[in-house]
Protein backbone atom coordinates (compact mmCIF):
# COMPACT_ATOMS: atom_id res chain seq x y z
CA UNK A 1 -0.01 0.02 0.01
CA UNK A 2 1.13 3.56 -0.79
CA UNK A 3 1.65 5.81 2.23
CA UNK A 4 2.60 9.56 1.97
CA UNK A 5 4.04 11.35 4.98
CA UNK A 6 4.08 15.14 5.00
CA UNK A 7 5.78 17.41 7.49
CA UNK A 8 3.66 20.52 8.08
CA UNK A 9 5.74 23.56 9.19
CA UNK A 10 8.14 24.68 6.43
CA UNK A 11 7.18 21.78 4.10
CA UNK A 12 3.49 22.25 3.48
CA UNK A 13 3.55 25.82 4.94
CA UNK A 14 5.77 28.83 4.14
CA UNK A 15 6.73 29.36 7.77
CA UNK A 16 6.44 28.12 11.39
CA UNK A 17 2.85 28.11 12.46
CA UNK A 18 3.47 28.22 16.20
CA UNK A 19 4.74 31.75 15.97
CA UNK A 20 2.07 32.69 13.47
CA UNK A 21 -0.73 31.25 15.69
CA UNK A 22 0.54 32.97 18.83
CA UNK A 23 0.68 36.32 16.94
CA UNK A 24 -2.78 35.68 15.55
CA UNK A 25 -4.27 35.07 19.05
CA UNK A 26 -2.25 37.54 21.10
CA UNK A 27 -0.73 40.10 18.74
CA UNK A 28 2.91 41.00 17.99
CA UNK A 29 3.62 42.89 21.20
CA UNK A 30 2.33 40.20 23.61
CA UNK A 31 4.14 37.52 21.54
CA UNK A 32 7.41 39.41 21.68
CA UNK A 33 7.24 40.04 25.42
CA UNK A 34 6.42 36.33 25.99
CA UNK A 35 9.39 35.15 23.96
CA UNK A 36 11.74 37.57 25.60
CA UNK A 37 10.74 36.01 28.99
CA UNK A 38 12.06 32.67 27.75
CA UNK A 39 14.97 33.87 25.73
CA UNK A 40 17.61 32.00 27.85
CA UNK A 41 15.85 28.68 27.34
CA UNK A 42 15.37 29.40 23.66
CA UNK A 43 19.09 30.26 23.20
CA UNK A 44 20.12 27.05 25.03
CA UNK A 45 17.67 25.07 22.90
CA UNK A 46 19.31 26.46 19.68
CA UNK A 47 22.66 25.36 21.15
CA UNK A 48 21.23 21.86 21.79
CA UNK A 49 21.72 22.43 25.58
CA UNK A 50 17.99 22.50 26.50
CA UNK A 51 15.27 20.05 25.27
CA UNK A 52 13.26 21.21 22.31
CA UNK A 53 10.02 19.95 23.83
CA UNK A 54 10.53 21.62 27.17
CA UNK A 55 11.13 25.07 25.60
CA UNK A 56 8.15 24.61 23.36
CA UNK A 57 5.92 23.57 26.27
CA UNK A 58 7.00 26.55 28.39
CA UNK A 59 6.04 28.89 25.56
CA UNK A 60 2.73 27.10 24.90
CA UNK A 61 1.92 27.20 28.64
CA UNK A 62 2.75 30.89 28.83
CA UNK A 63 0.28 31.82 26.09
CA UNK A 64 -2.56 29.24 26.37
CA UNK A 65 -2.70 27.65 29.90
CA UNK A 66 -6.18 28.16 31.36
CA UNK A 67 -7.91 28.95 28.05
CA UNK A 68 -11.18 27.07 27.60
CA UNK A 69 -10.78 24.37 24.91
CA UNK A 70 -13.78 25.65 22.98
CA UNK A 71 -12.13 29.09 22.73
CA UNK A 72 -8.81 27.57 21.74
CA UNK A 73 -10.40 25.44 19.01
CA UNK A 74 -12.30 28.42 17.75
CA UNK A 75 -9.04 30.30 17.37
CA UNK A 76 -7.56 27.31 15.56
CA UNK A 77 -10.42 27.22 13.03
CA UNK A 78 -10.32 30.97 12.48
CA UNK A 79 -6.49 30.88 12.10
CA UNK A 80 -6.72 28.32 9.27
CA UNK A 81 -9.65 30.09 7.60
CA UNK A 82 -7.88 33.51 7.75
CA UNK A 83 -4.45 32.26 6.62
CA UNK A 84 -4.80 29.95 3.63
CA UNK A 85 -1.75 31.68 2.02
CA UNK A 86 0.39 29.81 4.62
CA UNK A 87 0.04 26.63 2.56
CA UNK A 88 2.35 25.97 -0.36
CA UNK A 89 0.11 25.33 -3.46
CA UNK A 90 2.48 22.65 -4.88
CA UNK A 91 2.49 20.81 -1.57
CA UNK A 92 -1.27 20.92 -1.28
CA UNK A 93 -1.52 19.62 -4.93
CA UNK A 94 0.80 16.72 -4.11
CA UNK A 95 -1.18 15.83 -1.12
CA UNK A 96 -4.39 16.00 -2.99
CA UNK A 97 -2.99 13.87 -5.80
CA UNK A 98 -1.86 11.14 -3.32
CA UNK A 99 -5.41 11.01 -1.90
CA UNK A 100 -6.82 10.84 -5.44
CA UNK A 101 -4.56 7.82 -6.12
CA UNK A 102 -6.10 6.05 -3.09
CA UNK A 103 -2.96 6.34 -0.90
CA UNK A 104 -2.98 6.68 2.86
CA UNK A 105 -1.80 10.21 3.73
CA UNK A 106 -0.49 11.50 7.04
CA UNK A 107 0.39 15.08 7.96
CA UNK A 108 3.03 14.50 10.62
CA UNK A 109 3.81 17.67 12.62
CA UNK A 110 5.40 18.84 15.85
CA UNK A 111 2.73 21.52 15.86
CA UNK A 112 -0.39 21.10 17.96
CA UNK A 113 -2.82 19.06 15.92
CA UNK A 114 -5.79 21.41 16.93
CA UNK A 115 -4.58 24.07 14.58
CA UNK A 116 -3.05 21.80 11.97
CA UNK A 117 -6.35 19.88 11.24
CA UNK A 118 -8.47 22.88 10.14
CA UNK A 119 -6.04 23.59 7.29
CA UNK A 120 -7.23 20.24 5.77
CA UNK A 121 -10.92 20.49 6.52
CA UNK A 122 -11.75 20.01 2.84
CA UNK A 123 -10.06 16.61 2.87
CA UNK A 124 -11.23 15.30 6.24
CA UNK A 125 -14.23 13.41 4.75
CA UNK A 126 -11.48 11.04 3.44
CA UNK A 127 -10.71 8.35 6.01
CA UNK A 128 -7.26 8.10 4.34
CA UNK A 129 -6.04 11.42 5.65
CA UNK A 130 -4.70 11.52 9.19
CA UNK A 131 -3.33 14.45 11.25
CA UNK A 132 -0.53 13.22 13.44
CA UNK A 133 0.56 16.07 15.72
CA UNK A 134 1.49 17.02 19.28
CA UNK A 135 -1.54 16.61 21.52
CA UNK A 136 -2.34 18.87 24.37
CA UNK A 137 -3.71 18.15 27.81
CA UNK A 138 -7.19 19.35 28.70
CA UNK A 139 -8.68 19.25 32.25
CA UNK A 140 -12.19 20.39 33.14
CA UNK A 141 -12.58 21.81 29.67
CA UNK A 142 -9.51 24.03 29.88
CA UNK A 143 -6.04 23.83 28.15
CA UNK A 144 -3.39 23.08 30.86
CA UNK A 145 -0.45 24.09 28.73
CA UNK A 146 1.12 20.64 29.03
CA UNK A 147 1.54 18.16 26.21
CA UNK A 148 -0.44 14.91 26.37
CA UNK A 149 2.00 13.24 23.98
CA UNK A 150 5.67 13.73 23.47
CA UNK A 151 6.52 16.51 21.02
CA UNK A 152 6.05 15.00 17.58
CA UNK A 153 9.56 15.65 16.45
CA UNK A 154 12.55 13.57 15.24
CA UNK A 155 12.26 9.88 16.27
CA UNK A 156 8.80 10.59 17.73
CA UNK A 157 7.45 11.16 14.22
CA UNK A 158 8.45 7.62 13.21
CA UNK A 159 6.99 6.16 16.42
CA UNK A 160 3.68 7.89 15.83
CA UNK A 161 3.59 6.81 12.18
CA UNK A 162 4.22 3.23 13.17
CA UNK A 163 1.28 3.42 15.54
CA UNK A 164 -0.98 4.33 12.56
CA UNK A 165 0.15 1.46 10.35
CA UNK A 166 -2.01 -1.70 10.76
CA UNK A 167 0.31 -3.99 8.69
CA UNK A 168 4.05 -4.81 9.01
CA UNK A 169 6.39 -2.07 7.60
CA UNK A 170 7.25 -4.13 4.48
CA UNK A 171 3.67 -4.07 3.36
CA UNK A 172 4.04 -0.34 2.61
CA UNK A 173 5.71 1.84 0.03
CA UNK A 174 6.33 5.04 1.96
CA UNK A 175 7.08 8.48 0.50
CA UNK A 176 8.05 11.31 2.89
CA UNK A 177 8.42 15.03 2.51
CA UNK A 178 10.30 17.15 5.00
CA UNK A 179 12.42 20.29 5.44
CA UNK A 180 14.29 20.26 8.74
CA UNK A 181 16.27 18.34 11.34
CA UNK A 182 12.96 17.29 12.95
CA UNK A 183 12.15 15.23 9.84
CA UNK A 184 15.48 13.40 9.57
CA UNK A 185 14.23 10.12 11.09
CA UNK A 186 11.00 10.23 9.15
CA UNK A 187 12.83 10.73 5.88
CA UNK A 188 15.24 7.85 6.69
CA UNK A 189 12.30 5.65 7.47
CA UNK A 190 10.75 6.19 4.00
CA UNK A 191 11.41 4.31 0.81
CA UNK A 192 11.33 7.65 -1.17
CA UNK A 193 12.31 10.93 0.45
CA UNK A 194 12.03 14.53 -0.62
CA UNK A 195 13.85 17.29 1.27
CA UNK A 196 12.52 20.86 0.81
CA UNK A 197 10.47 19.74 -2.21
CA UNK A 198 7.97 22.54 -2.69
CA UNK A 199 10.17 25.66 -2.77
């Protein structure tokens, strides 16, 4: 069976959507102030001295902890509807063509799946399209700021993909598309790999 794996940020989109989403919800000034607060952790993360997931979770907690899930999801839907230009047309066409061929398609992203999924609302009637992202914890109807799953990055992408496959690996012909270090393991896992393909 044919399986197509697409990274989201930078591969199917023109830029990182975490930053774009925070700016959309809170504005540029509040976003800048929030990132300045965690600048030491972000610098250490860039130097590979602080875990990527921990820095990301701190940022996410700062901006969204305590927000009702309904409000958060409404922002996610509006963000996708108001920013269709974030998607690369060639990437979207490739994804659509894979679905038309009858392939199983996964969008595999370190981003929170709540705001990734609405970008593909036109395809979600297809049971062959799955959004595989970082999931967030919700308690009493409110976002806690913590991640429910490990950050879907690097080796975690492969682990999450394997969870989605119902047959042994050799039953699949896998094609993967990525653009960053976070996609390295997923690209290595594939039979056919494309690095920065839609630019």
